[in-house]
C-alpha cells in the first residue's frame, strides 16, 4: 500500500526570491512499512464496522444457504441499491455475477459469494489502474506537486487536508498549505490551526481576499522553497452554483500558468453519509475541474458505504484515500481488496 520516494536536497533560494511562508519542516523519518500497513489495515477495518454490520452483513446472510435460488438475485439487488451502490452499478454487478454463475456452472452460494466479492474489487480497482499518480508508484514527482482540494461545506475537507499533509510528511516530504477558501474567516483560521499541528507552512490572505491571489502566492512560495507538495484548500462550494464552479476553473488556470501540468491532482472530498447525493456532487465537480480522485470521509458514520462502488463504476474516478477516524494519522491510502474484505469480514 505504501510506496516511498527519496526527496532530493532542495536548491538554495535565489536572491530576491519571495519570503518563505514559515519555518522549514524537517522530513519525518520513514516509518517501518510493514507496521504502518498493519496499522492502516486495522483502522480501515474499524472504520467500516458500521457498514459491515448494516447492509453488507445482510448481503453475506443471503449467501449463507447451500444453494442459489431465484430469490437471491432480487434480494441482492435490493440490498446493493439500499447500500448506496446505485442502480447502474448494481445492475452491472448483478449481470456479471449471473453471467459467471451460468458460464462456470456454479451451484453453491458460497462460491457465488466469492465471485461477488471479486467483482466488487474489480469495480474499485479499474479506475485505480487507469489513473496512477507518481506518489503511488514511486516515480519522480514534479516539484512542487500541486494538489487542489475541492468539495462542498461540511464534508471534512479541511481536516482531510491536514491528514494529507501528515501523510506526505511521513513519506519524507516538505508540505506547504494554501488557504484559498477566503469566503469564510473560520475556514482560514481552522486551516491555520491544522497547519500548526502538522508543522506545515501556510500561505494565507485576509478574509474576503481574492482566492486567485492566494493560489498565486502559494505557488510562488512553493516554487521558491523547492517544496515537494503544495496542498491548496478551496471554498466549500455548492455544486449547484455555476459562478463558483467557474472560479474553481480560474484557480486551476492560475496553477497551470505558473507551473506546466499543475495542478497535478484535483481531489474531491466526499462525505460517505451523503449517499447518492455525493455521486451527484462528484459528477458536477468532475465536469468543472476535471477531478482526478476522491477522498472518502466519514465511513465510520454510515451503515451503507456503497457510494465508493458507484463513484468508481459510473464516473471512473479512483478512491485515493479514506478517512478512518478523527486523528491526524487517520487517513489510509485506498486499497480495493482490503476495502471489500473489510466490508464483508
Protein backbone atom coordinates (compact mmCIF):
# COMPACT_ATOMS: atom_id res chain seq x y z
CA UNK A 1 0.00 0.00 0.00
CA UNK A 2 2.73 2.46 0.95
CA UNK A 3 5.39 3.46 -1.58
CA UNK A 4 8.18 5.85 -0.81
CA UNK A 5 10.29 8.12 -2.98
CA UNK A 6 13.51 9.77 -1.96
CA UNK A 7 13.34 13.53 -1.54
CA UNK A 8 16.41 15.19 -3.09
CA UNK A 9 18.01 18.04 -1.20
CA UNK A 10 16.39 21.36 -2.22
CA UNK A 11 18.35 24.02 -4.01
CA UNK A 12 19.16 27.22 -2.08
CA UNK A 13 16.81 30.15 -2.50
CA UNK A 14 17.57 32.56 -5.31
CA UNK A 15 18.48 36.15 -4.37
CA UNK A 16 15.44 38.39 -4.26
CA UNK A 17 13.02 35.46 -4.05
CA UNK A 18 9.78 36.00 -2.12
CA UNK A 19 9.95 35.16 1.58
CA UNK A 20 9.07 31.67 2.72
CA UNK A 21 5.69 31.01 4.24
CA UNK A 22 7.05 29.75 7.52
CA UNK A 23 9.83 27.73 9.18
CA UNK A 24 11.37 24.80 7.38
CA UNK A 25 9.82 21.49 8.30
CA UNK A 26 12.27 18.63 8.56
CA UNK A 27 11.17 15.49 6.72
CA UNK A 28 9.86 12.84 9.05
CA UNK A 29 11.82 9.63 9.34
CA UNK A 30 10.43 6.86 7.19
CA UNK A 31 8.31 4.54 9.33
CA UNK A 32 8.50 0.78 9.33
CA UNK A 33 6.40 -0.01 6.25
CA UNK A 34 5.01 -3.32 7.48
CA UNK A 35 3.99 -1.75 10.79
CA UNK A 36 2.30 1.21 9.12
CA UNK A 37 0.40 -1.03 6.70
CA UNK A 38 -0.81 -3.19 9.58
CA UNK A 39 -1.95 -0.11 11.49
CA UNK A 40 -3.80 1.21 8.45
CA UNK A 41 -5.45 -2.17 7.85
CA UNK A 42 -6.75 -2.23 11.40
CA UNK A 43 -8.03 1.34 11.11
CA UNK A 44 -9.82 0.60 7.84
CA UNK A 45 -11.50 -2.46 9.32
CA UNK A 46 -12.54 -0.49 12.39
CA UNK A 47 -13.91 2.43 10.38
CA UNK A 48 -16.03 0.09 8.26
CA UNK A 49 -17.70 -1.61 11.22
CA UNK A 50 -20.99 0.34 10.87
CA UNK A 51 -21.17 -0.56 7.17
CA UNK A 52 -20.22 -4.17 7.80
CA UNK A 53 -22.89 -4.52 10.48
CA UNK A 54 -25.53 -2.90 8.27
CA UNK A 55 -26.41 -3.60 4.65
CA UNK A 56 -23.34 -5.63 3.81
CA UNK A 57 -23.84 -8.08 6.65
CA UNK A 58 -27.30 -8.77 5.20
CA UNK A 59 -25.70 -9.44 1.82
CA UNK A 60 -23.46 -12.02 3.45
CA UNK A 61 -26.50 -13.67 5.02
CA UNK A 62 -28.08 -14.08 1.58
CA UNK A 63 -25.29 -16.44 0.61
CA UNK A 64 -25.45 -18.49 3.81
CA UNK A 65 -27.74 -21.04 2.14
CA UNK A 66 -26.23 -24.03 0.35
CA UNK A 67 -27.90 -23.43 -2.99
CA UNK A 68 -28.54 -20.47 -5.24
CA UNK A 69 -32.23 -19.64 -5.55
CA UNK A 70 -34.02 -17.20 -7.91
CA UNK A 71 -34.97 -15.06 -4.92
CA UNK A 72 -31.31 -14.46 -4.10
CA UNK A 73 -30.90 -12.20 -7.14
CA UNK A 74 -33.86 -9.99 -6.24
CA UNK A 75 -32.79 -9.68 -2.63
CA UNK A 76 -29.20 -8.94 -3.62
CA UNK A 77 -30.36 -6.21 -5.99
CA UNK A 78 -32.43 -4.57 -3.27
CA UNK A 79 -29.60 -4.62 -0.75
CA UNK A 80 -26.98 -3.24 -3.14
CA UNK A 81 -29.26 -0.33 -4.02
CA UNK A 82 -30.06 0.28 -0.36
CA UNK A 83 -26.33 0.22 0.36
CA UNK A 84 -25.83 3.24 -1.94
CA UNK A 85 -24.18 1.29 -4.76
CA UNK A 86 -26.58 2.95 -7.21
CA UNK A 87 -28.84 1.35 -9.80
CA UNK A 88 -26.30 1.46 -12.64
CA UNK A 89 -23.54 -0.17 -10.63
CA UNK A 90 -25.92 -2.67 -9.04
CA UNK A 91 -27.22 -3.83 -12.42
CA UNK A 92 -23.67 -4.17 -13.74
CA UNK A 93 -22.56 -6.29 -10.79
CA UNK A 94 -25.67 -8.48 -10.93
CA UNK A 95 -25.35 -9.05 -14.67
CA UNK A 96 -21.71 -10.00 -14.34
CA UNK A 97 -22.38 -12.25 -11.36
CA UNK A 98 -25.23 -14.10 -13.06
CA UNK A 99 -23.13 -14.49 -16.20
CA UNK A 100 -20.26 -16.00 -14.23
CA UNK A 101 -22.55 -18.32 -12.30
CA UNK A 102 -24.11 -19.59 -15.51
CA UNK A 103 -20.88 -19.89 -17.50
CA UNK A 104 -18.96 -21.63 -14.72
CA UNK A 105 -21.98 -23.71 -13.65
CA UNK A 106 -21.72 -22.54 -10.09
CA UNK A 107 -24.23 -24.23 -7.82
CA UNK A 108 -23.08 -23.34 -4.32
CA UNK A 109 -23.97 -19.97 -2.85
CA UNK A 110 -20.61 -19.75 -1.06
CA UNK A 111 -18.81 -19.91 -4.41
CA UNK A 112 -21.06 -17.23 -5.88
CA UNK A 113 -20.33 -15.11 -2.81
CA UNK A 114 -16.60 -15.28 -3.53
CA UNK A 115 -17.25 -14.29 -7.15
CA UNK A 116 -19.35 -11.32 -5.97
CA UNK A 117 -16.55 -10.01 -3.77
CA UNK A 118 -14.09 -10.42 -6.62
CA UNK A 119 -16.35 -8.41 -8.92
CA UNK A 120 -16.65 -5.62 -6.36
CA UNK A 121 -12.86 -5.47 -6.07
CA UNK A 122 -12.63 -5.19 -9.86
CA UNK A 123 -15.12 -2.30 -9.88
CA UNK A 124 -12.97 -0.37 -7.39
CA UNK A 125 -9.63 -1.37 -8.89
CA UNK A 126 -10.38 -0.43 -12.52
CA UNK A 127 -10.01 3.37 -12.13
CA UNK A 128 -7.06 2.89 -9.77
CA UNK A 129 -5.25 1.03 -12.53
CA UNK A 130 -6.06 3.71 -15.09
CA UNK A 131 -5.08 6.76 -13.01
CA UNK A 132 -1.84 6.12 -11.14
CA UNK A 133 -0.23 9.25 -9.67
CA UNK A 134 3.55 9.26 -9.20
CA UNK A 135 3.33 9.24 -5.41
CA UNK A 136 1.53 5.88 -5.62
CA UNK A 137 4.09 4.29 -7.95
CA UNK A 138 7.41 5.58 -6.65
CA UNK A 139 8.03 7.72 -9.75
CA UNK A 140 9.86 11.04 -9.64
CA UNK A 141 7.38 13.80 -8.86
CA UNK A 142 7.38 17.36 -10.19
CA UNK A 143 8.25 19.93 -7.56
CA UNK A 144 6.05 21.20 -6.23
CA UNK A 145 3.45 18.51 -6.74
CA UNK A 146 0.28 20.60 -6.60
CA UNK A 147 -2.94 19.23 -5.16
CA UNK A 148 -6.18 21.21 -5.39
CA UNK A 149 -8.75 20.07 -2.83
CA UNK A 150 -12.42 20.67 -3.66
CA UNK A 151 -15.77 19.77 -2.14
CA UNK A 152 -18.89 21.21 -0.53
CA UNK A 153 -19.09 22.51 3.02
CA UNK A 154 -19.32 20.03 5.84
CA UNK A 155 -17.69 17.02 4.20
CA UNK A 156 -14.47 17.19 6.24
CA UNK A 157 -12.38 18.94 3.60
CA UNK A 158 -10.14 20.99 5.89
CA UNK A 159 -9.49 18.06 8.19
CA UNK A 160 -8.68 15.89 5.18
CA UNK A 161 -6.12 18.47 4.01
CA UNK A 162 -4.35 18.26 7.37
CA UNK A 163 -4.37 14.46 7.17
CA UNK A 164 -2.97 14.57 3.64
CA UNK A 165 -0.20 16.88 4.83
CA UNK A 166 0.70 14.46 7.61
CA UNK A 167 0.52 11.51 5.20
CA UNK A 168 3.01 13.04 2.77
CA UNK A 169 5.25 14.25 5.58
CA UNK A 170 5.52 10.66 6.74
CA UNK A 171 6.80 9.83 3.27
CA UNK A 172 9.63 12.28 3.88
CA UNK A 173 8.31 15.34 2.05
CA UNK A 174 8.04 19.01 2.86
CA UNK A 175 4.45 20.21 2.55
CA UNK A 176 3.11 23.75 2.14
CA UNK A 177 -0.58 24.58 2.52
CA UNK A 178 -2.57 27.30 0.74
CA UNK A 179 -5.74 28.77 2.28
CA UNK A 180 -7.72 29.76 -0.82
CA UNK A 181 -11.09 29.45 0.95
CA UNK A 182 -11.22 33.17 1.71
CA UNK A 183 -15.00 33.48 1.89
CA UNK A 184 -15.12 32.12 5.42
CA UNK A 185 -12.75 33.54 8.01
CA UNK A 186 -13.35 30.42 10.08
CA UNK A 187 -12.02 28.26 7.25
CA UNK A 188 -8.72 30.18 7.20
CA UNK A 189 -8.41 30.04 10.99
CA UNK A 190 -9.22 26.34 11.06
CA UNK A 191 -6.61 25.54 8.43
CA UNK A 192 -4.08 27.68 10.33
CA UNK A 193 -4.64 25.56 13.43
CA UNK A 194 -4.18 22.35 11.49
CA UNK A 195 -1.09 23.72 9.73
CA UNK A 196 0.49 24.47 13.10
CA UNK A 197 -0.32 20.99 14.36
CA UNK A 198 1.31 19.26 11.41
CA UNK A 199 4.18 21.76 11.23
CA UNK A 200 3.44 22.87 7.68
CA UNK A 201 3.88 26.46 6.42
CA UNK A 202 0.61 28.14 5.46
CA UNK A 203 0.08 30.79 2.78
CA UNK A 204 -2.94 32.88 3.72
CA UNK A 205 -4.58 36.22 2.96
CA UNK A 206 -7.20 38.16 4.95
CA UNK A 207 -10.85 37.03 4.73
CA UNK A 208 -12.64 38.00 1.50
CA UNK A 209 -9.35 38.34 -0.37
CA UNK A 210 -9.14 37.11 -3.95
CA UNK A 211 -8.69 33.28 -3.86
CA UNK A 212 -6.71 33.55 -7.08
CA UNK A 213 -4.17 35.78 -5.35
CA UNK A 214 -3.76 33.21 -2.59
CA UNK A 215 -3.16 30.46 -5.14
CA UNK A 216 -0.64 32.62 -7.00
CA UNK A 217 1.29 33.39 -3.81
CA UNK A 218 1.14 29.77 -2.62
CA UNK A 219 2.55 28.61 -5.95
CA UNK A 220 5.29 31.27 -5.77
CA UNK A 221 6.29 30.27 -2.24
CA UNK A 222 6.29 26.56 -3.07
CA UNK A 223 8.41 27.14 -6.17
CA UNK A 224 10.85 29.36 -4.27
CA UNK A 225 11.26 26.85 -1.45
CA UNK A 226 11.56 23.83 -3.69
CA UNK A 227 8.62 22.36 -1.79
CA UNK A 228 7.68 18.77 -2.51
CA UNK A 229 3.91 19.02 -2.03
CA UNK A 230 1.59 22.03 -2.20
CA UNK A 231 -1.95 21.38 -0.98
CA UNK A 232 -4.47 24.13 -1.72
CA UNK A 233 -7.80 24.45 0.06
CA UNK A 234 -10.74 25.93 -1.85
CA UNK A 235 -14.12 27.27 -0.76
CA UNK A 236 -16.75 24.69 0.08
CA UNK A 237 -18.81 25.50 -2.93
CA UNK A 238 -22.37 24.44 -3.51
CA UNK A 239 -22.14 22.39 -6.69
CA UNK A 240 -25.36 24.00 -7.97
CA UNK A 241 -23.78 27.47 -8.24
CA UNK A 242 -22.25 27.89 -11.68
CA UNK A 243 -20.32 31.08 -10.89
CA UNK A 244 -18.47 29.41 -8.05
CA UNK A 245 -17.57 26.49 -10.30
CA UNK A 246 -16.18 28.97 -12.80
CA UNK A 247 -13.93 30.31 -10.07
CA UNK A 248 -12.55 26.83 -9.46
CA UNK A 249 -11.65 26.69 -13.14
CA UNK A 250 -9.86 30.03 -12.72
CA UNK A 251 -7.79 28.69 -9.80
CA UNK A 252 -6.78 25.75 -11.92
CA UNK A 253 -5.63 28.06 -14.71
CA UNK A 254 -3.54 30.12 -12.27
CA UNK A 255 -1.73 26.98 -11.14
CA UNK A 256 -1.03 25.93 -14.71
CA UNK A 257 0.35 29.33 -15.73
CA UNK A 258 2.99 29.15 -13.02
CA UNK A 259 3.88 25.50 -13.47
CA UNK A 260 3.08 23.40 -16.52
CA UNK A 261 0.91 20.44 -15.63
CA UNK A 262 -0.30 21.90 -12.32
CA UNK A 263 -2.46 21.13 -10.52
CA UNK A 264 -1.28 17.55 -10.76
CA UNK A 265 -4.17 16.22 -8.68
CA UNK A 266 -7.65 17.59 -8.06
CA UNK A 267 -9.05 15.63 -5.14
CA UNK A 268 -12.76 15.78 -4.36
CA UNK A 269 -13.70 15.21 -0.72
CA UNK A 270 -17.00 13.36 -0.37
CA UNK A 271 -18.90 12.54 2.81
CA UNK A 272 -19.88 8.86 2.63
CA UNK A 273 -23.02 9.56 4.65
CA UNK A 274 -24.48 11.69 1.83
CA UNK A 275 -25.09 8.61 -0.34
CA UNK A 276 -26.24 9.24 -3.89
CA UNK A 277 -26.07 13.00 -3.37
CA UNK A 278 -22.33 12.52 -3.10
CA UNK A 279 -22.37 10.88 -6.53
CA UNK A 280 -24.15 13.91 -7.97
CA UNK A 281 -21.55 16.20 -6.39
CA UNK A 282 -18.80 14.14 -8.00
CA UNK A 283 -20.42 14.46 -11.43
CA UNK A 284 -20.68 18.25 -11.25
CA UNK A 285 -17.19 18.80 -9.86
CA UNK A 286 -15.68 16.48 -12.46
CA UNK A 287 -17.29 18.47 -15.24
CA UNK A 288 -16.00 21.74 -13.76
CA UNK A 289 -12.41 20.96 -12.74
CA UNK A 290 -11.50 17.52 -14.04
CA UNK A 291 -11.38 15.70 -10.71
CA UNK A 292 -8.61 13.09 -10.63
CA UNK A 293 -9.54 11.26 -7.45
CA UNK A 294 -11.71 11.11 -4.36
CA UNK A 295 -11.11 11.28 -0.63
CA UNK A 296 -13.99 9.47 1.06
CA UNK A 297 -14.71 10.63 4.62
CA UNK A 298 -16.99 9.64 7.49
CA UNK A 299 -17.25 5.96 6.55
CA UNK A 300 -17.45 5.26 10.27
CA UNK A 301 -20.72 7.20 10.35
CA UNK A 302 -22.74 5.22 7.79
CA UNK A 303 -24.23 1.75 7.67
CA UNK A 304 -24.11 1.84 3.86
CA UNK A 305 -20.80 2.85 2.24
CA UNK A 306 -21.62 1.55 -1.24
CA UNK A 307 -21.10 5.03 -2.69
CA UNK A 308 -17.46 4.02 -3.32
CA UNK A 309 -18.60 1.47 -5.92
CA UNK A 310 -20.91 3.95 -7.64
CA UNK A 311 -18.17 6.57 -7.89
CA UNK A 312 -15.70 4.07 -9.33
CA UNK A 313 -18.09 2.44 -11.81
CA UNK A 314 -20.26 5.33 -13.00
CA UNK A 315 -17.65 8.09 -13.05
CA UNK A 316 -14.45 6.12 -13.45
CA UNK A 317 -12.95 8.07 -10.53
CA UNK A 318 -10.46 6.32 -8.25
CA UNK A 319 -10.93 6.45 -4.50
CA UNK A 320 -7.48 7.67 -3.43
CA UNK A 321 -7.86 7.91 0.33
CA UNK A 322 -10.40 7.11 3.00
CA UNK A 323 -10.73 8.75 6.38
CA UNK A 324 -10.58 6.21 9.19
CA UNK A 325 -11.17 8.47 12.20
CA UNK A 326 -10.70 11.96 13.58
CA UNK A 327 -6.97 11.97 14.38
CA UNK A 328 -4.27 13.33 12.09
CA UNK A 329 -2.95 9.89 11.21
CA UNK A 330 -6.45 8.54 10.48
CA UNK A 331 -6.12 8.55 6.71
CA UNK A 332 -5.44 5.46 4.63
CA UNK A 333 -4.36 5.07 1.05
CA UNK A 334 -7.24 3.24 -0.59
CA UNK A 335 -6.80 -0.49 -1.18
CA UNK A 336 -9.66 -2.10 -3.13
CA UNK A 337 -9.12 -5.64 -1.85
CA UNK A 338 -8.77 -4.54 1.76
CA UNK A 339 -11.88 -2.36 1.45
CA UNK A 340 -14.08 -5.19 0.15
CA UNK A 341 -12.76 -7.72 2.63
CA UNK A 342 -13.36 -5.28 5.48
CA UNK A 343 -16.94 -4.77 4.31
CA UNK A 344 -17.80 -8.45 4.43
CA UNK A 345 -15.50 -9.94 7.07
